[in-house]
Amino acid sequence: MPNIQVDNSSHDFSSMSRRERTEENRERLEREARERRQQTIIGIIVVLIVMAMLAAVGVTTYQAFYKSPKSNVEQTQIERSNKSKKQLKKLGAKYKPEVMTPMGGIVISKLGYNNPVAKVPTVATYFDPLCPGCGGFNRKADKALIAMVRAGQINLEIHPMSFLDQFSTDHYSSRVYGSIAYIANNDSDPEHLLQFINNIFAEDFQPEEGEGYKPVSNEKLIEQAKKAGVDESVASKAFERRYVEWQKLINKYTPDFMELLNVSGSNKGSMTTPTVTINGKLLDINAVNSKDMNVLDAILHCIGLNKNQVGVEGQMPKISSTDSPIAL
């Protein structure tokens, strides 16, 4: 019988292959487990990224479709302003004094009424003859404003109002308003009108409003007009409470004008007097006060003119008729 020997090496080889296969299976299972964990982590990251993107889109969409209350208020103010200007222009055409603009201004320059100097800024003032703050503003700033008008450095646009009529016992504001319009219509020299306004705002003449008001006769007002150079034939007819229907329209619609609304302080969003604009842009009186400036210095700063240049012909402001005011 042949001697059949068992090849021990062959037996050892078979045993090693099983161990290796077992090891390979273990490694494969571990590798697959690692891959599954990595896929899970990647999936979580992707989900988080997508959620973040959706959240961002959601915020953007919310902001796009749901404006803040402030934006809604501003939009309402713009719409009301535009509507009021249209109404004033439409309804006021029948009553407007000839010398006034459709928005109730009287433009004054060194060239006269309604003949502005080119390429210089326009300073506009809104005031009521009975308003104590308006009197204070006039006494601080008007002398310099008139000097700049004379030198051709600015155009001055005055906007009288009479909403404080109810705080006098004799229609003081509306009588003075009517006289301003009448004098401008019938006296060709703007210097007379400007001096008359200075006279009625003089500290020893301007009456108190409200309970402290003491009646002012037409005779006293006529005297102030004559002192300003207005001819007696004009002055004697100026205080007959003229243009009352026009004044009602001015008092109703002007406070809606967007460019006149306070942008800071306790009266933010409403108009107060005195109000000053430069090239149609509001001078923020609250900001002026917070910087410890007086209003004349603020105006000079905003137009780019030094105090020693005021009234000096040929010394021109840094801004022209189309520029925005220099920021405070």
C-alpha atoms as a PDB file:
ATOM      1  CA  MET A   1       0.000   0.000   0.000  1.00  0.00           C
ATOM      2  CA  PRO A   2       1.429   3.230  -0.934  1.00  0.00           C
ATOM      3  CA  ASN A   3       2.496   5.431   1.856  1.00  0.00           C
ATOM      4  CA  ILE A   4       0.351   8.387   1.697  1.00  0.00           C
ATOM      5  CA  GLN A   5       1.691  11.193   3.650  1.00  0.00           C
ATOM      6  CA  VAL A   6      -0.250  14.144   4.689  1.00  0.00           C
ATOM      7  CA  ASP A   7       1.263  17.387   3.520  1.00  0.00           C
ATOM      8  CA  ASN A   8       1.410  19.288   6.774  1.00  0.00           C
ATOM      9  CA  SER A   9       2.378  22.462   4.956  1.00  0.00           C
ATOM     10  CA  SER A  10      -0.815  22.237   2.950  1.00  0.00           C
ATOM     11  CA  HIS A  11      -2.793  21.829   6.159  1.00  0.00           C
ATOM     12  CA  ASP A  12      -1.057  24.873   7.744  1.00  0.00           C
ATOM     13  CA  PHE A  13      -1.764  27.001   4.652  1.00  0.00           C
ATOM     14  CA  SER A  14      -5.486  26.225   4.765  1.00  0.00           C
ATOM     15  CA  SER A  15      -5.622  27.241   8.432  1.00  0.00           C
ATOM     16  CA  MET A  16      -3.871  30.601   7.753  1.00  0.00           C
ATOM     17  CA  SER A  17      -6.276  31.433   4.914  1.00  0.00           C
ATOM     18  CA  ARG A  18      -9.264  31.027   7.220  1.00  0.00           C
ATOM     19  CA  ARG A  19      -7.693  33.359   9.787  1.00  0.00           C
ATOM     20  CA  GLU A  20      -6.909  35.880   7.107  1.00  0.00           C
ATOM     21  CA  ARG A  21     -10.429  35.660   5.748  1.00  0.00           C
ATOM     22  CA  THR A  22     -11.777  36.151   9.235  1.00  0.00           C
ATOM     23  CA  GLU A  23      -9.512  39.165   9.687  1.00  0.00           C
ATOM     24  CA  GLU A  24     -10.533  40.540   6.319  1.00  0.00           C
ATOM     25  CA  ASN A  25     -14.202  40.135   7.219  1.00  0.00           C
ATOM     26  CA  ARG A  26     -13.648  41.907  10.500  1.00  0.00           C
ATOM     27  CA  GLU A  27     -11.789  44.749   8.813  1.00  0.00           C
ATOM     28  CA  ARG A  28     -14.452  44.951   6.116  1.00  0.00           C
ATOM     29  CA  LEU A  29     -17.205  45.150   8.711  1.00  0.00           C
ATOM     30  CA  GLU A  30     -15.313  47.829  10.619  1.00  0.00           C
ATOM     31  CA  ARG A  31     -14.691  49.750   7.389  1.00  0.00           C
ATOM     32  CA  GLU A  32     -18.361  49.567   6.442  1.00  0.00           C
ATOM     33  CA  ALA A  33     -19.335  50.717   9.922  1.00  0.00           C
ATOM     34  CA  ARG A  34     -16.946  53.676   9.643  1.00  0.00           C
ATOM     35  CA  GLU A  35     -18.377  54.557   6.238  1.00  0.00           C
ATOM     36  CA  ARG A  36     -21.909  54.400   7.616  1.00  0.00           C
ATOM     37  CA  ARG A  37     -20.910  56.699  10.487  1.00  0.00           C
ATOM     38  CA  GLN A  38     -19.263  59.138   8.054  1.00  0.00           C
ATOM     39  CA  GLN A  39     -22.326  59.093   5.821  1.00  0.00           C
ATOM     40  CA  THR A  40     -24.525  59.760   8.844  1.00  0.00           C
ATOM     41  CA  ILE A  41     -22.342  62.705   9.907  1.00  0.00           C
ATOM     42  CA  ILE A  42     -22.291  64.103   6.355  1.00  0.00           C
ATOM     43  CA  GLY A  43     -26.062  63.719   6.165  1.00  0.00           C
ATOM     44  CA  ILE A  44     -26.522  65.623   9.411  1.00  0.00           C
ATOM     45  CA  ILE A  45     -24.230  68.406   8.185  1.00  0.00           C
ATOM     46  CA  VAL A  46     -26.123  68.660   4.897  1.00  0.00           C
ATOM     47  CA  VAL A  47     -29.440  68.830   6.734  1.00  0.00           C
ATOM     48  CA  LEU A  48     -28.116  71.572   9.010  1.00  0.00           C
ATOM     49  CA  ILE A  49     -26.814  73.565   6.036  1.00  0.00           C
ATOM     50  CA  VAL A  50     -30.114  73.225   4.209  1.00  0.00           C
ATOM     51  CA  MET A  51     -32.017  74.260   7.335  1.00  0.00           C
ATOM     52  CA  ALA A  52     -29.762  77.299   7.739  1.00  0.00           C
ATOM     53  CA  MET A  53     -30.293  78.249   4.105  1.00  0.00           C
ATOM     54  CA  LEU A  54     -34.041  77.873   4.457  1.00  0.00           C
ATOM     55  CA  ALA A  55     -33.974  79.965   7.610  1.00  0.00           C
ATOM     56  CA  ALA A  56     -32.034  82.692   5.790  1.00  0.00           C
ATOM     57  CA  VAL A  57     -34.470  82.593   2.910  1.00  0.00           C
ATOM     58  CA  GLY A  58     -37.314  82.730   5.388  1.00  0.00           C
ATOM     59  CA  VAL A  59     -35.867  85.842   7.079  1.00  0.00           C
ATOM     60  CA  THR A  60     -35.270  87.508   3.726  1.00  0.00           C
ATOM     61  CA  THR A  61     -38.773  86.658   2.598  1.00  0.00           C
ATOM     62  CA  TYR A  62     -40.239  88.006   5.833  1.00  0.00           C
ATOM     63  CA  GLN A  63     -38.292  91.221   5.504  1.00  0.00           C
ATOM     64  CA  ALA A  64     -39.289  91.569   1.873  1.00  0.00           C
ATOM     65  CA  PHE A  65     -42.992  91.013   2.401  1.00  0.00           C
ATOM     66  CA  TYR A  66     -43.473  92.397   5.900  1.00  0.00           C
ATOM     67  CA  LYS A  67     -42.045  95.904   6.215  1.00  0.00           C
ATOM     68  CA  SER A  68     -41.241  97.278   9.629  1.00  0.00           C
ATOM     69  CA  PRO A  69     -43.715  99.669  11.229  1.00  0.00           C
ATOM     70  CA  LYS A  70     -41.239 102.498  10.649  1.00  0.00           C
ATOM     71  CA  SER A  71     -41.228 101.837   6.912  1.00  0.00           C
ATOM     72  CA  ASN A  72     -45.016 101.775   6.891  1.00  0.00           C
ATOM     73  CA  VAL A  73     -45.122 105.091   8.736  1.00  0.00           C
ATOM     74  CA  GLU A  74     -42.653 106.648   6.325  1.00  0.00           C
ATOM     75  CA  GLN A  75     -44.608 105.400   3.327  1.00  0.00           C
ATOM     76  CA  THR A  76     -47.802 106.835   4.793  1.00  0.00           C
ATOM     77  CA  GLN A  77     -46.079 110.173   5.385  1.00  0.00           C
ATOM     78  CA  ILE A  78     -44.821 110.289   1.803  1.00  0.00           C
ATOM     79  CA  GLU A  79     -48.259 109.522   0.412  1.00  0.00           C
ATOM     80  CA  ARG A  80     -49.922 112.100   2.662  1.00  0.00           C
ATOM     81  CA  SER A  81     -47.296 114.701   1.737  1.00  0.00           C
ATOM     82  CA  ASN A  82     -47.778 114.196  -1.984  1.00  0.00           C
ATOM     83  CA  LYS A  83     -51.554 114.282  -1.644  1.00  0.00           C
ATOM     84  CA  SER A  84     -51.496 117.473   0.430  1.00  0.00           C
ATOM     85  CA  LYS A  85     -49.261 119.250  -2.068  1.00  0.00           C
ATOM     86  CA  LYS A  86     -51.592 118.317  -4.903  1.00  0.00           C
ATOM     87  CA  GLN A  87     -54.613 119.479  -2.924  1.00  0.00           C
ATOM     88  CA  LEU A  88     -52.988 122.784  -1.976  1.00  0.00           C
ATOM     89  CA  LYS A  89     -51.996 123.464  -5.574  1.00  0.00           C
ATOM     90  CA  LYS A  90     -55.460 122.549  -6.856  1.00  0.00           C
ATOM     91  CA  LEU A  91     -57.627 124.244  -4.244  1.00  0.00           C
ATOM     92  CA  GLY A  92     -55.315 127.172  -3.634  1.00  0.00           C
ATOM     93  CA  ALA A  93     -55.183 128.403  -7.224  1.00  0.00           C
ATOM     94  CA  LYS A  94     -58.374 130.386  -6.621  1.00  0.00           C
ATOM     95  CA  TYR A  95     -57.169 132.074  -3.415  1.00  0.00           C
ATOM     96  CA  LYS A  96     -53.372 132.284  -3.630  1.00  0.00           C
ATOM     97  CA  PRO A  97     -51.792 135.753  -3.364  1.00  0.00           C
ATOM     98  CA  GLU A  98     -50.088 136.566  -6.639  1.00  0.00           C
ATOM     99  CA  VAL A  99     -46.638 136.968  -5.134  1.00  0.00           C
ATOM    100  CA  MET A 100     -46.626 133.532  -3.493  1.00  0.00           C
ATOM    101  CA  THR A 101     -45.533 130.186  -4.877  1.00  0.00           C
ATOM    102  CA  PRO A 102     -48.133 127.392  -5.104  1.00  0.00           C
ATOM    103  CA  MET A 103     -46.744 126.042  -1.816  1.00  0.00           C
ATOM    104  CA  GLY A 104     -47.101 129.363   0.000  1.00  0.00           C
ATOM    105  CA  GLY A 105     -43.578 130.770  -0.186  1.00  0.00           C
ATOM    106  CA  ILE A 106     -42.354 134.263  -1.038  1.00  0.00           C
ATOM    107  CA  VAL A 107     -38.958 134.082  -2.752  1.00  0.00           C
ATOM    108  CA  ILE A 108     -36.671 137.040  -2.056  1.00  0.00           C
ATOM    109  CA  SER A 109     -33.242 137.742  -3.528  1.00  0.00           C
ATOM    110  CA  LYS A 110     -31.070 140.764  -4.238  1.00  0.00           C
ATOM    111  CA  LEU A 111     -32.898 140.851  -7.590  1.00  0.00           C
ATOM    112  CA  GLY A 112     -36.296 141.301  -5.930  1.00  0.00           C
ATOM    113  CA  TYR A 113     -39.355 139.091  -5.528  1.00  0.00           C
ATOM    114  CA  ASN A 114     -39.573 135.742  -7.315  1.00  0.00           C
ATOM    115  CA  ASN A 115     -36.301 136.329  -9.162  1.00  0.00           C
ATOM    116  CA  PRO A 116     -33.784 134.029  -7.468  1.00  0.00           C
ATOM    117  CA  VAL A 117     -30.058 134.408  -7.929  1.00  0.00           C
ATOM    118  CA  ALA A 118     -28.680 131.454  -9.882  1.00  0.00           C
ATOM    119  CA  LYS A 119     -26.364 128.863  -8.348  1.00  0.00           C
ATOM    120  CA  VAL A 120     -26.769 129.920  -4.713  1.00  0.00           C
ATOM    121  CA  PRO A 121     -28.593 128.006  -1.958  1.00  0.00           C
ATOM    122  CA  THR A 122     -32.132 128.829  -0.886  1.00  0.00           C
ATOM    123  CA  VAL A 123     -32.844 129.119   2.832  1.00  0.00           C
ATOM    124  CA  ALA A 124     -36.554 128.758   3.611  1.00  0.00           C
ATOM    125  CA  THR A 125     -38.170 129.695   6.915  1.00  0.00           C
ATOM    126  CA  TYR A 126     -41.633 128.717   8.179  1.00  0.00           C
ATOM    127  CA  PHE A 127     -43.090 130.838  10.964  1.00  0.00           C
ATOM    128  CA  ASP A 128     -46.211 132.104  12.720  1.00  0.00           C
ATOM    129  CA  PRO A 129     -46.142 135.770  13.844  1.00  0.00           C
ATOM    130  CA  LEU A 130     -47.327 134.762  17.331  1.00  0.00           C
ATOM    131  CA  CYS A 131     -44.857 131.881  17.770  1.00  0.00           C
ATOM    132  CA  PRO A 132     -42.309 132.744  20.516  1.00  0.00           C
ATOM    133  CA  GLY A 133     -39.719 130.373  19.075  1.00  0.00           C
ATOM    134  CA  CYS A 134     -40.086 132.076  15.696  1.00  0.00           C
ATOM    135  CA  GLY A 135     -39.434 135.424  17.350  1.00  0.00           C
ATOM    136  CA  GLY A 136     -36.301 134.047  18.972  1.00  0.00           C
ATOM    137  CA  PHE A 137     -35.103 132.622  15.659  1.00  0.00           C
ATOM    138  CA  ASN A 138     -35.740 135.920  13.878  1.00  0.00           C
ATOM    139  CA  ARG A 139     -33.828 137.931  16.437  1.00  0.00           C
ATOM    140  CA  LYS A 140     -30.850 135.562  16.252  1.00  0.00           C
ATOM    141  CA  ALA A 141     -30.643 134.946  12.523  1.00  0.00           C
ATOM    142  CA  ASP A 142     -32.603 137.418  10.426  1.00  0.00           C
ATOM    143  CA  LYS A 143     -30.028 140.216  10.346  1.00  0.00           C
ATOM    144  CA  ALA A 144     -27.447 137.825   8.892  1.00  0.00           C
ATOM    145  CA  LEU A 145     -29.961 136.252   6.490  1.00  0.00           C
ATOM    146  CA  ILE A 146     -30.885 139.685   5.119  1.00  0.00           C
ATOM    147  CA  ALA A 147     -27.191 140.575   4.752  1.00  0.00           C
ATOM    148  CA  MET A 148     -26.626 137.386   2.752  1.00  0.00           C
ATOM    149  CA  VAL A 149     -29.623 138.192   0.551  1.00  0.00           C
ATOM    150  CA  ARG A 150     -28.232 141.672  -0.153  1.00  0.00           C
ATOM    151  CA  ALA A 151     -24.837 140.204  -1.078  1.00  0.00           C
ATOM    152  CA  GLY A 152     -26.373 137.624  -3.405  1.00  0.00           C
ATOM    153  CA  GLN A 153     -25.079 134.762  -1.247  1.00  0.00           C
ATOM    154  CA  ILE A 154     -28.488 133.146  -0.702  1.00  0.00           C
ATOM    155  CA  ASN A 155     -32.087 133.299  -1.797  1.00  0.00           C
ATOM    156  CA  LEU A 156     -34.523 133.594   1.100  1.00  0.00           C
ATOM    157  CA  GLU A 157     -37.954 131.972   0.902  1.00  0.00           C
ATOM    158  CA  ILE A 158     -40.374 132.949   3.644  1.00  0.00           C
ATOM    159  CA  HIS A 159     -43.451 130.876   4.504  1.00  0.00           C
ATOM    160  CA  PRO A 160     -45.772 132.681   6.918  1.00  0.00           C
ATOM    161  CA  MET A 161     -48.457 130.643   8.668  1.00  0.00           C
ATOM    162  CA  SER A 162     -51.350 131.532  10.969  1.00  0.00           C
ATOM    163  CA  PHE A 163     -52.257 128.350  12.834  1.00  0.00           C
ATOM    164  CA  LEU A 164     -51.849 130.158  16.180  1.00  0.00           C
ATOM    165  CA  ASP A 165     -54.766 132.477  15.407  1.00  0.00           C
ATOM    166  CA  GLN A 166     -56.807 130.651  18.041  1.00  0.00           C
ATOM    167  CA  PHE A 167     -54.316 131.692  20.733  1.00  0.00           C
ATOM    168  CA  SER A 168     -55.135 135.376  20.322  1.00  0.00           C
ATOM    169  CA  THR A 169     -58.412 137.195  20.902  1.00  0.00           C
ATOM    170  CA  ASP A 170     -58.307 139.301  17.728  1.00  0.00           C
ATOM    171  CA  HIS A 171     -57.021 137.057  14.921  1.00  0.00           C
ATOM    172  CA  TYR A 172     -53.490 138.396  15.325  1.00  0.00           C
ATOM    173  CA  SER A 173     -51.715 135.722  13.271  1.00  0.00           C
ATOM    174  CA  SER A 174     -54.097 135.860  10.316  1.00  0.00           C
ATOM    175  CA  ARG A 175     -54.031 139.670  10.230  1.00  0.00           C
ATOM    176  CA  VAL A 176     -50.244 139.736  10.152  1.00  0.00           C
ATOM    177  CA  TYR A 177     -50.107 136.903   7.598  1.00  0.00           C
ATOM    178  CA  GLY A 178     -52.505 138.836   5.349  1.00  0.00           C
ATOM    179  CA  SER A 179     -50.377 141.953   5.692  1.00  0.00           C
ATOM    180  CA  ILE A 180     -47.199 140.105   4.693  1.00  0.00           C
ATOM    181  CA  ALA A 181     -48.859 138.883   1.504  1.00  0.00           C
ATOM    182  CA  TYR A 182     -50.465 142.267   0.802  1.00  0.00           C
ATOM    183  CA  ILE A 183     -47.231 144.219   1.304  1.00  0.00           C
ATOM    184  CA  ALA A 184     -45.321 141.792  -0.935  1.00  0.00           C
ATOM    185  CA  ASN A 185     -48.009 142.176  -3.601  1.00  0.00           C
ATOM    186  CA  ASN A 186     -48.118 145.975  -3.436  1.00  0.00           C
ATOM    187  CA  ASP A 187     -44.642 147.143  -2.421  1.00  0.00           C
ATOM    188  CA  SER A 188     -41.896 146.163  -4.856  1.00  0.00           C
ATOM    189  CA  ASP A 189     -39.054 146.550  -2.347  1.00  0.00           C
ATOM    190  CA  PRO A 190     -38.508 143.306  -0.382  1.00  0.00           C
ATOM    191  CA  GLU A 191     -36.381 145.213   2.147  1.00  0.00           C
ATOM    192  CA  HIS A 192     -39.549 146.862   3.436  1.00  0.00           C
ATOM    193  CA  LEU A 193     -41.239 143.505   3.993  1.00  0.00           C
ATOM    194  CA  LEU A 194     -38.212 141.975   5.701  1.00  0.00           C
ATOM    195  CA  GLN A 195     -37.868 144.953   8.024  1.00  0.00           C
ATOM    196  CA  PHE A 196     -41.576 144.807   8.845  1.00  0.00           C
ATOM    197  CA  ILE A 197     -41.203 141.145   9.835  1.00  0.00           C
ATOM    198  CA  ASN A 198     -38.241 142.111  12.028  1.00  0.00           C
ATOM    199  CA  ASN A 199     -40.380 144.799  13.657  1.00  0.00           C
ATOM    200  CA  ILE A 200     -43.244 142.455  14.574  1.00  0.00           C
ATOM    201  CA  PHE A 201     -40.769 139.935  16.015  1.00  0.00           C
ATOM    202  CA  ALA A 202     -39.002 142.576  18.106  1.00  0.00           C
ATOM    203  CA  GLU A 203     -38.846 141.515  21.737  1.00  0.00           C
ATOM    204  CA  ASP A 204     -40.643 144.666  22.875  1.00  0.00           C
ATOM    205  CA  PHE A 205     -43.458 144.235  20.330  1.00  0.00           C
ATOM    206  CA  GLN A 206     -44.270 140.555  19.741  1.00  0.00           C
ATOM    207  CA  PRO A 207     -47.258 139.652  21.954  1.00  0.00           C
ATOM    208  CA  GLU A 208     -47.525 136.549  24.122  1.00  0.00           C
ATOM    209  CA  GLU A 209     -49.653 133.660  22.956  1.00  0.00           C
ATOM    210  CA  GLY A 210     -52.505 132.135  24.927  1.00  0.00           C
ATOM    211  CA  GLU A 211     -53.569 133.463  28.322  1.00  0.00           C
ATOM    212  CA  GLY A 212     -50.928 136.200  28.307  1.00  0.00           C
ATOM    213  CA  TYR A 213     -52.078 137.636  24.998  1.00  0.00           C
ATOM    214  CA  LYS A 214     -53.014 141.323  24.906  1.00  0.00           C
ATOM    215  CA  PRO A 215     -54.917 142.645  21.859  1.00  0.00           C
ATOM    216  CA  VAL A 216     -52.893 144.440  19.184  1.00  0.00           C
ATOM    217  CA  SER A 217     -54.741 147.037  17.146  1.00  0.00           C
ATOM    218  CA  ASN A 218     -54.400 147.503  13.400  1.00  0.00           C
ATOM    219  CA  GLU A 219     -53.077 150.987  14.123  1.00  0.00           C
ATOM    220  CA  LYS A 220     -50.107 149.556  16.023  1.00  0.00           C
ATOM    221  CA  LEU A 221     -49.386 147.134  13.179  1.00  0.00           C
ATOM    222  CA  ILE A 222     -49.697 149.880  10.571  1.00  0.00           C
ATOM    223  CA  GLU A 223     -47.138 151.875  12.524  1.00  0.00           C
ATOM    224  CA  GLN A 224     -44.672 148.960  12.373  1.00  0.00           C
ATOM    225  CA  ALA A 225     -45.168 148.684   8.610  1.00  0.00           C
ATOM    226  CA  LYS A 226     -44.595 152.400   8.095  1.00  0.00           C
ATOM    227  CA  LYS A 227     -41.445 152.244  10.264  1.00  0.00           C
ATOM    228  CA  ALA A 228     -40.182 149.548   7.872  1.00  0.00           C
ATOM    229  CA  GLY A 229     -40.580 151.852   4.881  1.00  0.00           C
ATOM    230  CA  VAL A 230     -43.960 150.669   3.603  1.00  0.00           C
ATOM    231  CA  ASP A 231     -45.954 153.507   2.089  1.00  0.00           C
ATOM    232  CA  GLU A 232     -48.961 154.577   4.137  1.00  0.00           C
ATOM    233  CA  SER A 233     -51.297 153.888   1.211  1.00  0.00           C
ATOM    234  CA  VAL A 234     -50.247 150.230   1.342  1.00  0.00           C
ATOM    235  CA  ALA A 235     -49.848 149.922   5.102  1.00  0.00           C
ATOM    236  CA  SER A 236     -53.308 151.312   5.816  1.00  0.00           C
ATOM    237  CA  LYS A 237     -54.955 148.545   3.783  1.00  0.00           C
ATOM    238  CA  ALA A 238     -52.677 145.668   4.747  1.00  0.00           C
ATOM    239  CA  PHE A 239     -54.370 144.522   7.961  1.00  0.00           C
ATOM    240  CA  GLU A 240     -57.893 143.784   6.812  1.00  0.00           C
ATOM    241  CA  ARG A 241     -57.481 140.054   7.456  1.00  0.00           C
ATOM    242  CA  ARG A 242     -56.997 139.210   3.805  1.00  0.00           C
ATOM    243  CA  TYR A 243     -56.546 135.841   2.088  1.00  0.00           C
ATOM    244  CA  VAL A 244     -58.314 133.967   4.892  1.00  0.00           C
ATOM    245  CA  GLU A 245     -59.385 131.038   2.694  1.00  0.00           C
ATOM    246  CA  TRP A 246     -55.840 130.693   1.415  1.00  0.00           C
ATOM    247  CA  GLN A 247     -54.508 130.744   4.953  1.00  0.00           C
ATOM    248  CA  LYS A 248     -56.855 127.927   5.932  1.00  0.00           C
ATOM    249  CA  LEU A 249     -55.437 125.793   3.123  1.00  0.00           C
ATOM    250  CA  ILE A 250     -51.853 126.629   4.090  1.00  0.00           C
ATOM    251  CA  ASN A 251     -52.477 125.749   7.738  1.00  0.00           C
ATOM    252  CA  LYS A 252     -54.225 122.515   6.773  1.00  0.00           C
ATOM    253  CA  TYR A 253     -51.829 121.099   4.203  1.00  0.00           C
ATOM    254  CA  THR A 254     -48.356 122.505   4.929  1.00  0.00           C
ATOM    255  CA  PRO A 255     -47.872 120.475   8.164  1.00  0.00           C
ATOM    256  CA  ASP A 256     -48.140 117.298   6.060  1.00  0.00           C
ATOM    257  CA  PHE A 257     -45.139 118.097   3.856  1.00  0.00           C
ATOM    258  CA  MET A 258     -42.599 115.313   4.352  1.00  0.00           C
ATOM    259  CA  GLU A 259     -39.560 117.604   4.150  1.00  0.00           C
ATOM    260  CA  LEU A 260     -40.860 119.693   7.072  1.00  0.00           C
ATOM    261  CA  LEU A 261     -41.381 116.880   9.588  1.00  0.00           C
ATOM    262  CA  ASN A 262     -39.019 116.676  12.536  1.00  0.00           C
ATOM    263  CA  VAL A 263     -36.615 113.749  12.228  1.00  0.00           C
ATOM    264  CA  SER A 264     -35.632 113.610  15.907  1.00  0.00           C
ATOM    265  CA  GLY A 265     -36.733 114.698  19.346  1.00  0.00           C
ATOM    266  CA  SER A 266     -40.118 114.596  21.052  1.00  0.00           C
ATOM    267  CA  ASN A 267     -41.850 116.082  17.987  1.00  0.00           C
ATOM    268  CA  LYS A 268     -40.406 113.553  15.569  1.00  0.00           C
ATOM    269  CA  GLY A 269     -42.797 112.961  12.676  1.00  0.00           C
ATOM    270  CA  SER A 270     -44.626 116.273  13.022  1.00  0.00           C
ATOM    271  CA  MET A 271     -43.995 119.845  11.914  1.00  0.00           C
ATOM    272  CA  THR A 272     -43.174 122.619  14.360  1.00  0.00           C
ATOM    273  CA  THR A 273     -42.259 126.268  13.951  1.00  0.00           C
ATOM    274  CA  PRO A 274     -39.815 127.699  13.345  1.00  0.00           C
ATOM    275  CA  THR A 275     -38.816 125.314  10.583  1.00  0.00           C
ATOM    276  CA  VAL A 276     -35.796 125.906   8.368  1.00  0.00           C
ATOM    277  CA  THR A 277     -34.867 124.153   5.146  1.00  0.00           C
ATOM    278  CA  ILE A 278     -31.804 124.549   2.953  1.00  0.00           C
ATOM    279  CA  ASN A 279     -32.366 123.664  -0.681  1.00  0.00           C
ATOM    280  CA  GLY A 280     -35.507 121.861   0.444  1.00  0.00           C
ATOM    281  CA  LYS A 281     -33.713 119.753   3.095  1.00  0.00           C
ATOM    282  CA  LEU A 282     -34.675 120.088   6.747  1.00  0.00           C
ATOM    283  CA  LEU A 283     -32.286 121.693   9.207  1.00  0.00           C
ATOM    284  CA  ASP A 284     -32.657 119.457  12.261  1.00  0.00           C
ATOM    285  CA  ILE A 285     -33.045 121.970  15.088  1.00  0.00           C
ATOM    286  CA  ASN A 286     -32.842 119.183  17.691  1.00  0.00           C
ATOM    287  CA  ALA A 287     -29.469 118.138  16.297  1.00  0.00           C
ATOM    288  CA  VAL A 288     -28.364 121.776  16.351  1.00  0.00           C
ATOM    289  CA  ASN A 289     -29.270 122.047  20.031  1.00  0.00           C
ATOM    290  CA  SER A 290     -27.607 118.733  20.896  1.00  0.00           C
ATOM    291  CA  LYS A 291     -24.341 120.036  19.424  1.00  0.00           C
ATOM    292  CA  ASP A 292     -24.587 123.265  21.449  1.00  0.00           C
ATOM    293  CA  MET A 293     -24.743 125.308  18.255  1.00  0.00           C
ATOM    294  CA  ASN A 294     -26.945 128.321  17.652  1.00  0.00           C
ATOM    295  CA  VAL A 295     -29.207 128.209  14.631  1.00  0.00           C
ATOM    296  CA  LEU A 296     -27.319 130.865  12.648  1.00  0.00           C
ATOM    297  CA  ASP A 297     -24.016 129.014  13.052  1.00  0.00           C
ATOM    298  CA  ALA A 298     -25.779 125.847  11.913  1.00  0.00           C
ATOM    299  CA  ILE A 299     -27.137 127.532   8.784  1.00  0.00           C
ATOM    300  CA  LEU A 300     -23.727 128.985   7.942  1.00  0.00           C
ATOM    301  CA  HIS A 301     -22.089 125.601   8.457  1.00  0.00           C
ATOM    302  CA  CYS A 302     -24.646 123.851   6.256  1.00  0.00           C
ATOM    303  CA  ILE A 303     -24.201 126.266   3.341  1.00  0.00           C
ATOM    304  CA  GLY A 304     -20.429 126.481   3.752  1.00  0.00           C
ATOM    305  CA  LEU A 305     -19.916 130.115   4.726  1.00  0.00           C
ATOM    306  CA  ASN A 306     -17.864 131.603   7.557  1.00  0.00           C
ATOM    307  CA  LYS A 307     -19.236 134.325   9.822  1.00  0.00           C
ATOM    308  CA  ASN A 308     -16.715 136.847   8.553  1.00  0.00           C
ATOM    309  CA  GLN A 309     -17.961 136.205   5.003  1.00  0.00           C
ATOM    310  CA  VAL A 310     -21.594 137.034   5.769  1.00  0.00           C
ATOM    311  CA  GLY A 311     -22.776 139.930   3.628  1.00  0.00           C
ATOM    312  CA  VAL A 312     -19.499 140.175   1.714  1.00  0.00           C
ATOM    313  CA  GLU A 313     -20.291 140.283  -1.987  1.00  0.00           C
ATOM    314  CA  GLY A 314     -18.214 137.800  -3.975  1.00  0.00           C
ATOM    315  CA  GLN A 315     -17.690 135.478  -0.996  1.00  0.00           C
ATOM    316  CA  MET A 316     -19.929 132.600  -2.006  1.00  0.00           C
ATOM    317  CA  PRO A 317     -21.194 129.555  -0.080  1.00  0.00           C
ATOM    318  CA  LYS A 318     -19.609 126.186  -0.793  1.00  0.00           C
ATOM    319  CA  ILE A 319     -22.932 124.692  -1.889  1.00  0.00           C
ATOM    320  CA  SER A 320     -24.950 125.790  -4.900  1.00  0.00           C
ATOM    321  CA  SER A 321     -28.674 125.754  -5.602  1.00  0.00           C
ATOM    322  CA  THR A 322     -28.737 122.022  -6.340  1.00  0.00           C
ATOM    323  CA  ASP A 323     -26.469 120.675  -3.588  1.00  0.00           C
ATOM    324  CA  SER A 324     -27.513 119.060  -0.346  1.00  0.00           C
ATOM    325  CA  PRO A 325     -26.588 120.965   2.824  1.00  0.00           C
ATOM    326  CA  ILE A 326     -23.275 120.120   4.450  1.00  0.00           C
ATOM    327  CA  ALA A 327     -23.929 117.708   7.328  1.00  0.00           C
ATOM    328  CA  LEU A 328     -23.741 119.102  10.851  1.00  0.00           C
END
